[in-house]
Amino acid sequence: MRKIAVVICLLSFICIRVLAQTPEQVLMEAMTSRELAARMAAGANTVLIFSGGTEASGPHLALGKHNYRVYRYAAQIADSLGNTLVAPVLPFAPNSPVLERYPGTISLTDQTFSDVNEQLVRSMVNSGFRYIILMSDHFNSQRPLKTLAARLDSTLRPKGVRVFFSGDGYAKARAQIEAGIARQGIVPGGHGGLWDTAETWAVLPAAVRTAYLAAGDTTHLGNGPLDAAGVSGDPCLATPEQGRLFGQLRVQLAVQEIRQWLSQVKQ
């Protein structure tokens, strides 16, 4: 319970930071019900349900790394799309049993994660949203969300509601990021590795403990097993400047994918 309280407090802190950097208010949790209704009446009929996660990533990354990044990326995606809002970030996700050995990892089963996201979708439908996009910054969340989105889209389409899973900002971006790093002769992947650390550093420097940066298992281009500290890959060459570029790519690819989907379903 104490860990959950700490996570919630940290998420509130990140929310405030994001609000200060967002040109237009897009976070639902910062609005009153009346303010939300007014935004929707003005045309904001699309909502992002963007989940994060809480997990150990070695001694150098804070447990809430995914959530910090999600608030930043979600706000930028919504602002770029226009008429799009962001539902409260879900800070819990499915995790590998390996990660559950490390203190602070909070894990949901795939079924529980899917059930929670389904309830979030149905709540957004009840609020009046017509276009609902499921997303995640976390590997283990991709498949359950893709499956759920397809099922709910089929179920809710007769009611005039469309549901979509946007994965390019995670999978496609990650492939491009790791390919670019590898071309420099650097270990590209990893859990707590270079891009993982760089992106977190760019969003919230305080979430990176630079004194504890150390290479983990670097087999399989950094995407192999975790070492004793819970790290794979090598974060030692990470910089916040890299993280900003990686984050920009994730936002760009997500916006492109969502825009294409919206243009098709609105025809």
C-alpha atoms as a PDB file:
ATOM      1  CA  MET A   1       0.000   0.000   0.000  1.00  0.00           C
ATOM      2  CA  ARG A   2       2.846   2.369   0.837  1.00  0.00           C
ATOM      3  CA  LYS A   3       4.501   1.706  -2.537  1.00  0.00           C
ATOM      4  CA  ILE A   4       1.233   2.423  -4.335  1.00  0.00           C
ATOM      5  CA  ALA A   5       0.874   5.705  -2.409  1.00  0.00           C
ATOM      6  CA  VAL A   6       4.400   6.721  -3.396  1.00  0.00           C
ATOM      7  CA  VAL A   7       3.680   5.933  -7.042  1.00  0.00           C
ATOM      8  CA  ILE A   8       0.493   8.014  -6.971  1.00  0.00           C
ATOM      9  CA  CYS A   9       2.327  10.968  -5.405  1.00  0.00           C
ATOM     10  CA  LEU A  10       5.060  10.781  -8.008  1.00  0.00           C
ATOM     11  CA  LEU A  11       2.526  10.588 -10.821  1.00  0.00           C
ATOM     12  CA  SER A  12       0.823  13.711  -9.492  1.00  0.00           C
ATOM     13  CA  PHE A  13       4.174  15.485  -9.511  1.00  0.00           C
ATOM     14  CA  ILE A  14       4.796  14.456 -13.114  1.00  0.00           C
ATOM     15  CA  CYS A  15       1.297  15.527 -14.079  1.00  0.00           C
ATOM     16  CA  ILE A  16       1.992  19.029 -12.775  1.00  0.00           C
ATOM     17  CA  ARG A  17       5.255  19.170 -14.757  1.00  0.00           C
ATOM     18  CA  VAL A  18       3.497  18.098 -17.929  1.00  0.00           C
ATOM     19  CA  LEU A  19       0.727  20.642 -17.448  1.00  0.00           C
ATOM     20  CA  ALA A  20       3.297  23.420 -17.296  1.00  0.00           C
ATOM     21  CA  GLN A  21       4.769  22.301 -20.626  1.00  0.00           C
ATOM     22  CA  THR A  22       1.561  21.609 -22.563  1.00  0.00           C
ATOM     23  CA  PRO A  23       0.302  24.444 -24.828  1.00  0.00           C
ATOM     24  CA  GLU A  24      -3.326  23.423 -24.352  1.00  0.00           C
ATOM     25  CA  GLN A  25      -4.794  21.450 -21.511  1.00  0.00           C
ATOM     26  CA  VAL A  26      -5.240  17.844 -22.658  1.00  0.00           C
ATOM     27  CA  LEU A  27      -5.142  15.851 -19.404  1.00  0.00           C
ATOM     28  CA  MET A  28      -8.629  14.857 -18.301  1.00  0.00           C
ATOM     29  CA  GLU A  29      -7.647  14.446 -14.666  1.00  0.00           C
ATOM     30  CA  ALA A  30      -6.784  18.140 -14.430  1.00  0.00           C
ATOM     31  CA  MET A  31     -10.254  19.187 -15.619  1.00  0.00           C
ATOM     32  CA  THR A  32     -13.577  19.410 -13.886  1.00  0.00           C
ATOM     33  CA  SER A  33     -16.477  17.466 -15.357  1.00  0.00           C
ATOM     34  CA  ARG A  34     -17.975  20.708 -16.676  1.00  0.00           C
ATOM     35  CA  GLU A  35     -14.696  21.711 -18.310  1.00  0.00           C
ATOM     36  CA  LEU A  36     -14.395  18.291 -19.926  1.00  0.00           C
ATOM     37  CA  ALA A  37     -17.951  18.499 -21.251  1.00  0.00           C
ATOM     38  CA  ALA A  38     -17.192  21.899 -22.742  1.00  0.00           C
ATOM     39  CA  ARG A  39     -14.086  20.597 -24.494  1.00  0.00           C
ATOM     40  CA  MET A  40     -16.011  17.670 -25.915  1.00  0.00           C
ATOM     41  CA  ALA A  41     -18.834  19.931 -27.070  1.00  0.00           C
ATOM     42  CA  ALA A  42     -16.179  21.965 -28.883  1.00  0.00           C
ATOM     43  CA  GLY A  43     -15.072  18.877 -30.820  1.00  0.00           C
ATOM     44  CA  ALA A  44     -12.691  16.894 -28.607  1.00  0.00           C
ATOM     45  CA  ASN A  45     -14.154  13.456 -29.353  1.00  0.00           C
ATOM     46  CA  THR A  46     -10.904  11.436 -29.352  1.00  0.00           C
ATOM     47  CA  VAL A  47      -9.168  10.109 -26.238  1.00  0.00           C
ATOM     48  CA  LEU A  48      -5.867   8.354 -25.620  1.00  0.00           C
ATOM     49  CA  ILE A  49      -5.808   5.584 -23.018  1.00  0.00           C
ATOM     50  CA  PHE A  50      -2.042   5.360 -22.632  1.00  0.00           C
ATOM     51  CA  SER A  51      -0.827   2.915 -19.994  1.00  0.00           C
ATOM     52  CA  GLY A  52       2.553   2.903 -18.285  1.00  0.00           C
ATOM     53  CA  GLY A  53       3.888   0.520 -15.661  1.00  0.00           C
ATOM     54  CA  THR A  54       5.785   0.263 -12.407  1.00  0.00           C
ATOM     55  CA  GLU A  55       8.820  -1.986 -12.486  1.00  0.00           C
ATOM     56  CA  ALA A  56      12.409  -2.427 -11.403  1.00  0.00           C
ATOM     57  CA  SER A  57      14.987  -1.497 -14.061  1.00  0.00           C
ATOM     58  CA  GLY A  58      18.220  -1.737 -12.161  1.00  0.00           C
ATOM     59  CA  PRO A  59      19.703   0.597  -9.535  1.00  0.00           C
ATOM     60  CA  HIS A  60      19.824   3.613 -11.850  1.00  0.00           C
ATOM     61  CA  LEU A  61      16.193   4.052 -12.957  1.00  0.00           C
ATOM     62  CA  ALA A  62      13.183   4.989 -10.845  1.00  0.00           C
ATOM     63  CA  LEU A  63      10.330   2.483 -10.743  1.00  0.00           C
ATOM     64  CA  GLY A  64       7.931   4.880 -12.459  1.00  0.00           C
ATOM     65  CA  LYS A  65      10.008   5.423 -15.618  1.00  0.00           C
ATOM     66  CA  HIS A  66       7.191   4.337 -17.948  1.00  0.00           C
ATOM     67  CA  ASN A  67       4.640   6.616 -16.316  1.00  0.00           C
ATOM     68  CA  TYR A  68       6.895   9.667 -16.488  1.00  0.00           C
ATOM     69  CA  ARG A  69       7.472   9.116 -20.175  1.00  0.00           C
ATOM     70  CA  VAL A  70       3.807   8.380 -20.909  1.00  0.00           C
ATOM     71  CA  TYR A  71       2.591  11.677 -19.487  1.00  0.00           C
ATOM     72  CA  ARG A  72       5.051  13.582 -21.678  1.00  0.00           C
ATOM     73  CA  TYR A  73       4.453  11.594 -24.860  1.00  0.00           C
ATOM     74  CA  ALA A  74       0.681  11.419 -24.441  1.00  0.00           C
ATOM     75  CA  ALA A  75       0.396  15.181 -23.988  1.00  0.00           C
ATOM     76  CA  GLN A  76       2.531  15.821 -27.066  1.00  0.00           C
ATOM     77  CA  ILE A  77       0.593  13.308 -29.178  1.00  0.00           C
ATOM     78  CA  ALA A  78      -2.762  14.740 -28.128  1.00  0.00           C
ATOM     79  CA  ASP A  79      -1.610  18.296 -28.766  1.00  0.00           C
ATOM     80  CA  SER A  80      -0.322  17.347 -32.231  1.00  0.00           C
ATOM     81  CA  LEU A  81      -3.542  15.548 -33.182  1.00  0.00           C
ATOM     82  CA  GLY A  82      -5.884  18.279 -31.993  1.00  0.00           C
ATOM     83  CA  ASN A  83      -9.333  17.649 -30.487  1.00  0.00           C
ATOM     84  CA  THR A  84      -7.753  14.819 -28.500  1.00  0.00           C
ATOM     85  CA  LEU A  85      -7.595  14.343 -24.735  1.00  0.00           C
ATOM     86  CA  VAL A  86      -5.650  12.009 -22.453  1.00  0.00           C
ATOM     87  CA  ALA A  87      -7.269   9.681 -19.920  1.00  0.00           C
ATOM     88  CA  PRO A  88      -5.495   9.182 -16.570  1.00  0.00           C
ATOM     89  CA  VAL A  89      -2.426   7.012 -17.029  1.00  0.00           C
ATOM     90  CA  LEU A  90      -2.703   3.441 -15.762  1.00  0.00           C
ATOM     91  CA  PRO A  91       0.557   2.892 -13.807  1.00  0.00           C
ATOM     92  CA  PHE A  92       0.338  -0.903 -13.627  1.00  0.00           C
ATOM     93  CA  ALA A  93       0.983  -3.506 -16.330  1.00  0.00           C
ATOM     94  CA  PRO A  94       1.843  -7.158 -16.956  1.00  0.00           C
ATOM     95  CA  ASN A  95       5.456  -7.977 -16.188  1.00  0.00           C
ATOM     96  CA  SER A  96       7.819 -10.866 -16.721  1.00  0.00           C
ATOM     97  CA  PRO A  97       8.089 -13.172 -13.684  1.00  0.00           C
ATOM     98  CA  VAL A  98      11.807 -12.378 -13.751  1.00  0.00           C
ATOM     99  CA  LEU A  99      11.096  -8.747 -12.863  1.00  0.00           C
ATOM    100  CA  GLU A 100       8.872  -9.748  -9.983  1.00  0.00           C
ATOM    101  CA  ARG A 101      11.975 -10.848  -8.077  1.00  0.00           C
ATOM    102  CA  TYR A 102      13.033  -7.219  -7.698  1.00  0.00           C
ATOM    103  CA  PRO A 103      11.444  -4.913  -5.083  1.00  0.00           C
ATOM    104  CA  GLY A 104       8.914  -2.420  -6.370  1.00  0.00           C
ATOM    105  CA  THR A 105       7.704  -4.259  -9.457  1.00  0.00           C
ATOM    106  CA  ILE A 106       3.903  -4.192  -9.579  1.00  0.00           C
ATOM    107  CA  SER A 107       2.472  -6.727 -11.993  1.00  0.00           C
ATOM    108  CA  LEU A 108      -0.993  -7.483 -13.331  1.00  0.00           C
ATOM    109  CA  THR A 109      -1.925 -10.630 -15.190  1.00  0.00           C
ATOM    110  CA  ASP A 110      -2.657 -10.153 -18.885  1.00  0.00           C
ATOM    111  CA  GLN A 111      -6.326 -10.821 -18.193  1.00  0.00           C
ATOM    112  CA  THR A 112      -6.557  -8.313 -15.346  1.00  0.00           C
ATOM    113  CA  PHE A 113      -4.738  -5.706 -17.412  1.00  0.00           C
ATOM    114  CA  SER A 114      -7.091  -6.306 -20.327  1.00  0.00           C
ATOM    115  CA  ASP A 115     -10.158  -6.187 -18.052  1.00  0.00           C
ATOM    116  CA  VAL A 116      -9.077  -2.878 -16.499  1.00  0.00           C
ATOM    117  CA  ASN A 117      -8.459  -1.344 -19.912  1.00  0.00           C
ATOM    118  CA  GLU A 118     -11.835  -2.566 -21.111  1.00  0.00           C
ATOM    119  CA  GLN A 119     -13.503  -0.797 -18.200  1.00  0.00           C
ATOM    120  CA  LEU A 120     -11.538   2.343 -19.021  1.00  0.00           C
ATOM    121  CA  VAL A 121     -12.748   2.174 -22.609  1.00  0.00           C
ATOM    122  CA  ARG A 122     -16.354   1.705 -21.539  1.00  0.00           C
ATOM    123  CA  SER A 123     -16.055   4.648 -19.147  1.00  0.00           C
ATOM    124  CA  MET A 124     -14.795   6.803 -22.019  1.00  0.00           C
ATOM    125  CA  VAL A 125     -17.746   5.640 -24.113  1.00  0.00           C
ATOM    126  CA  ASN A 126     -20.116   6.635 -21.308  1.00  0.00           C
ATOM    127  CA  SER A 127     -18.434  10.039 -21.233  1.00  0.00           C
ATOM    128  CA  GLY A 128     -19.237  10.499 -24.907  1.00  0.00           C
ATOM    129  CA  PHE A 129     -15.947   9.862 -26.723  1.00  0.00           C
ATOM    130  CA  ARG A 130     -16.267   8.387 -30.222  1.00  0.00           C
ATOM    131  CA  TYR A 131     -12.650   7.532 -31.033  1.00  0.00           C
ATOM    132  CA  ILE A 132     -10.622   5.684 -28.412  1.00  0.00           C
ATOM    133  CA  ILE A 133      -6.944   4.829 -28.844  1.00  0.00           C
ATOM    134  CA  LEU A 134      -5.193   2.261 -26.637  1.00  0.00           C
ATOM    135  CA  MET A 135      -1.424   2.665 -26.242  1.00  0.00           C
ATOM    136  CA  SER A 136       1.416   1.614 -23.955  1.00  0.00           C
ATOM    137  CA  ASP A 137       5.091   2.405 -23.321  1.00  0.00           C
ATOM    138  CA  HIS A 138       5.637  -1.138 -22.041  1.00  0.00           C
ATOM    139  CA  PHE A 139       6.548  -4.285 -24.012  1.00  0.00           C
ATOM    140  CA  ASN A 140       4.329  -6.801 -22.208  1.00  0.00           C
ATOM    141  CA  SER A 141       1.285  -4.557 -22.649  1.00  0.00           C
ATOM    142  CA  GLN A 142       1.350  -4.453 -26.447  1.00  0.00           C
ATOM    143  CA  ARG A 143      -0.261  -7.803 -27.271  1.00  0.00           C
ATOM    144  CA  PRO A 144      -3.131  -7.633 -24.711  1.00  0.00           C
ATOM    145  CA  LEU A 145      -4.035  -4.115 -25.854  1.00  0.00           C
ATOM    146  CA  LYS A 146      -3.965  -5.016 -29.545  1.00  0.00           C
ATOM    147  CA  THR A 147      -6.252  -7.988 -28.929  1.00  0.00           C
ATOM    148  CA  LEU A 148      -8.599  -5.943 -26.745  1.00  0.00           C
ATOM    149  CA  ALA A 149      -8.839  -3.065 -29.215  1.00  0.00           C
ATOM    150  CA  ALA A 150      -9.852  -5.380 -32.056  1.00  0.00           C
ATOM    151  CA  ARG A 151     -12.562  -7.023 -29.940  1.00  0.00           C
ATOM    152  CA  LEU A 152     -13.997  -3.779 -28.596  1.00  0.00           C
ATOM    153  CA  ASP A 153     -13.934  -2.089 -31.980  1.00  0.00           C
ATOM    154  CA  SER A 154     -16.090  -4.880 -33.373  1.00  0.00           C
ATOM    155  CA  THR A 155     -18.453  -4.717 -30.388  1.00  0.00           C
ATOM    156  CA  LEU A 156     -18.804  -0.931 -30.183  1.00  0.00           C
ATOM    157  CA  ARG A 157     -18.831  -0.020 -33.874  1.00  0.00           C
ATOM    158  CA  PRO A 158     -22.648  -0.396 -34.159  1.00  0.00           C
ATOM    159  CA  LYS A 159     -22.898   2.301 -31.461  1.00  0.00           C
ATOM    160  CA  GLY A 160     -20.783   4.716 -33.486  1.00  0.00           C
ATOM    161  CA  VAL A 161     -17.649   4.193 -31.376  1.00  0.00           C
ATOM    162  CA  ARG A 162     -14.305   3.091 -32.801  1.00  0.00           C
ATOM    163  CA  VAL A 163     -11.410   1.616 -30.819  1.00  0.00           C
ATOM    164  CA  PHE A 164      -7.844   1.393 -32.100  1.00  0.00           C
ATOM    165  CA  PHE A 165      -4.519   0.089 -30.851  1.00  0.00           C
ATOM    166  CA  SER A 166      -1.590   2.323 -31.731  1.00  0.00           C
ATOM    167  CA  GLY A 167       1.689   0.440 -31.526  1.00  0.00           C
ATOM    168  CA  ASP A 168       4.041   2.311 -33.876  1.00  0.00           C
ATOM    169  CA  GLY A 169       5.180   4.692 -31.150  1.00  0.00           C
ATOM    170  CA  TYR A 170       6.494   1.686 -29.275  1.00  0.00           C
ATOM    171  CA  ALA A 171       7.467  -1.183 -31.606  1.00  0.00           C
ATOM    172  CA  LYS A 172       8.271   0.663 -34.836  1.00  0.00           C
ATOM    173  CA  ALA A 173      10.056   3.448 -32.984  1.00  0.00           C
ATOM    174  CA  ARG A 174      12.035   0.998 -30.884  1.00  0.00           C
ATOM    175  CA  ALA A 175      13.213  -0.864 -33.990  1.00  0.00           C
ATOM    176  CA  GLN A 176      14.373   2.377 -35.597  1.00  0.00           C
ATOM    177  CA  ILE A 177      15.993   3.638 -32.404  1.00  0.00           C
ATOM    178  CA  GLU A 178      17.920   0.433 -31.822  1.00  0.00           C
ATOM    179  CA  ALA A 179      18.995   0.235 -35.464  1.00  0.00           C
ATOM    180  CA  GLY A 180      20.369   3.772 -35.275  1.00  0.00           C
ATOM    181  CA  ILE A 181      22.277   3.071 -32.075  1.00  0.00           C
ATOM    182  CA  ALA A 182      23.686  -0.172 -33.479  1.00  0.00           C
ATOM    183  CA  ARG A 183      25.051   1.667 -36.534  1.00  0.00           C
ATOM    184  CA  GLN A 184      27.287   3.563 -34.125  1.00  0.00           C
ATOM    185  CA  GLY A 185      28.780   0.324 -32.870  1.00  0.00           C
ATOM    186  CA  ILE A 186      27.011   0.646 -29.510  1.00  0.00           C
ATOM    187  CA  VAL A 187      24.872  -1.933 -27.715  1.00  0.00           C
ATOM    188  CA  PRO A 188      21.391  -0.683 -28.666  1.00  0.00           C
ATOM    189  CA  GLY A 189      18.768  -2.521 -26.611  1.00  0.00           C
ATOM    190  CA  GLY A 190      18.101  -3.484 -23.070  1.00  0.00           C
ATOM    191  CA  HIS A 191      15.981  -3.253 -19.972  1.00  0.00           C
ATOM    192  CA  GLY A 192      17.473  -0.223 -18.275  1.00  0.00           C
ATOM    193  CA  GLY A 193      19.780   0.068 -21.298  1.00  0.00           C
ATOM    194  CA  LEU A 194      20.745   3.055 -23.417  1.00  0.00           C
ATOM    195  CA  TRP A 195      17.450   4.236 -24.907  1.00  0.00           C
ATOM    196  CA  ASP A 196      15.475   3.276 -21.798  1.00  0.00           C
ATOM    197  CA  THR A 197      17.751   5.427 -19.660  1.00  0.00           C
ATOM    198  CA  ALA A 198      18.091   8.259 -22.171  1.00  0.00           C
ATOM    199  CA  GLU A 199      14.335   8.695 -22.613  1.00  0.00           C
ATOM    200  CA  THR A 200      13.707   8.698 -18.876  1.00  0.00           C
ATOM    201  CA  TRP A 201      16.546  11.182 -18.372  1.00  0.00           C
ATOM    202  CA  ALA A 202      15.090  13.534 -20.980  1.00  0.00           C
ATOM    203  CA  VAL A 203      11.672  13.551 -19.301  1.00  0.00           C
ATOM    204  CA  LEU A 204      12.708  13.614 -15.641  1.00  0.00           C
ATOM    205  CA  PRO A 205      16.437  13.882 -14.795  1.00  0.00           C
ATOM    206  CA  ALA A 206      15.750  13.107 -11.135  1.00  0.00           C
ATOM    207  CA  ALA A 207      14.545   9.622 -12.125  1.00  0.00           C
ATOM    208  CA  VAL A 208      18.041   8.618 -13.268  1.00  0.00           C
ATOM    209  CA  ARG A 209      20.695   7.826 -10.644  1.00  0.00           C
ATOM    210  CA  THR A 210      23.791   8.510 -12.717  1.00  0.00           C
ATOM    211  CA  ALA A 211      26.154   7.251 -10.001  1.00  0.00           C
ATOM    212  CA  TYR A 212      24.814   3.722 -10.568  1.00  0.00           C
ATOM    213  CA  LEU A 213      25.046   3.562 -14.364  1.00  0.00           C
ATOM    214  CA  ALA A 214      26.669   0.261 -15.282  1.00  0.00           C
ATOM    215  CA  ALA A 215      26.449  -2.214 -18.144  1.00  0.00           C
ATOM    216  CA  GLY A 216      24.241  -5.244 -17.687  1.00  0.00           C
ATOM    217  CA  ASP A 217      24.118  -8.342 -19.861  1.00  0.00           C
ATOM    218  CA  THR A 218      24.969  -7.183 -23.397  1.00  0.00           C
ATOM    219  CA  THR A 219      24.242 -10.376 -25.343  1.00  0.00           C
ATOM    220  CA  HIS A 220      21.596 -10.350 -28.083  1.00  0.00           C
ATOM    221  CA  LEU A 221      22.281  -6.650 -28.792  1.00  0.00           C
ATOM    222  CA  GLY A 222      21.419  -5.876 -25.187  1.00  0.00           C
ATOM    223  CA  ASN A 223      18.036  -7.580 -25.330  1.00  0.00           C
ATOM    224  CA  GLY A 224      19.186 -10.754 -23.591  1.00  0.00           C
ATOM    225  CA  PRO A 225      18.717 -11.880 -19.984  1.00  0.00           C
ATOM    226  CA  LEU A 226      18.904  -9.541 -17.023  1.00  0.00           C
ATOM    227  CA  ASP A 227      22.010  -9.518 -14.873  1.00  0.00           C
ATOM    228  CA  ALA A 228      21.936  -9.788 -11.073  1.00  0.00           C
ATOM    229  CA  ALA A 229      21.055  -6.086 -10.795  1.00  0.00           C
ATOM    230  CA  GLY A 230      18.104  -6.469 -13.155  1.00  0.00           C
ATOM    231  CA  VAL A 231      19.714  -4.770 -16.164  1.00  0.00           C
ATOM    232  CA  SER A 232      20.320  -5.752 -19.770  1.00  0.00           C
ATOM    233  CA  GLY A 233      22.119  -3.551 -22.271  1.00  0.00           C
ATOM    234  CA  ASP A 234      24.475  -0.703 -21.454  1.00  0.00           C
ATOM    235  CA  PRO A 235      23.153   2.667 -20.206  1.00  0.00           C
ATOM    236  CA  CYS A 236      26.583   4.241 -19.704  1.00  0.00           C
ATOM    237  CA  LEU A 237      26.556   6.265 -22.944  1.00  0.00           C
ATOM    238  CA  ALA A 238      22.972   7.492 -22.528  1.00  0.00           C
ATOM    239  CA  THR A 239      22.330  11.247 -22.589  1.00  0.00           C
ATOM    240  CA  PRO A 240      19.171  13.317 -22.178  1.00  0.00           C
ATOM    241  CA  GLU A 241      19.794  14.793 -25.636  1.00  0.00           C
ATOM    242  CA  GLN A 242      19.511  11.312 -27.138  1.00  0.00           C
ATOM    243  CA  GLY A 243      16.383  10.723 -25.098  1.00  0.00           C
ATOM    244  CA  ARG A 244      14.716  13.817 -26.493  1.00  0.00           C
ATOM    245  CA  LEU A 245      15.370  12.644 -30.045  1.00  0.00           C
ATOM    246  CA  PHE A 246      14.072   9.159 -29.267  1.00  0.00           C
ATOM    247  CA  GLY A 247      10.968  10.631 -27.660  1.00  0.00           C
ATOM    248  CA  GLN A 248      10.334  12.887 -30.655  1.00  0.00           C
ATOM    249  CA  LEU A 249      10.462   9.861 -32.944  1.00  0.00           C
ATOM    250  CA  ARG A 250       7.989   7.953 -30.775  1.00  0.00           C
ATOM    251  CA  VAL A 251       5.560  10.869 -30.790  1.00  0.00           C
ATOM    252  CA  GLN A 252       5.971  11.415 -34.534  1.00  0.00           C
ATOM    253  CA  LEU A 253       5.302   7.783 -35.452  1.00  0.00           C
ATOM    254  CA  ALA A 254       2.319   7.540 -33.106  1.00  0.00           C
ATOM    255  CA  VAL A 255       0.776  10.707 -34.517  1.00  0.00           C
ATOM    256  CA  GLN A 256       1.236   9.459 -38.090  1.00  0.00           C
ATOM    257  CA  GLU A 257      -0.370   6.111 -37.308  1.00  0.00           C
ATOM    258  CA  ILE A 258      -3.325   7.598 -35.432  1.00  0.00           C
ATOM    259  CA  ARG A 259      -3.944  10.265 -38.067  1.00  0.00           C
ATOM    260  CA  GLN A 260      -4.055   7.640 -40.776  1.00  0.00           C
ATOM    261  CA  TRP A 261      -6.531   5.549 -38.775  1.00  0.00           C
ATOM    262  CA  LEU A 262      -8.729   8.565 -37.989  1.00  0.00           C
ATOM    263  CA  SER A 263      -8.777   9.622 -41.629  1.00  0.00           C
ATOM    264  CA  GLN A 264     -10.031   6.154 -42.589  1.00  0.00           C
ATOM    265  CA  VAL A 265     -12.729   5.760 -39.946  1.00  0.00           C
ATOM    266  CA  LYS A 266     -14.058   9.296 -40.414  1.00  0.00           C
ATOM    267  CA  GLN A 267     -14.649   8.881 -44.147  1.00  0.00           C
END
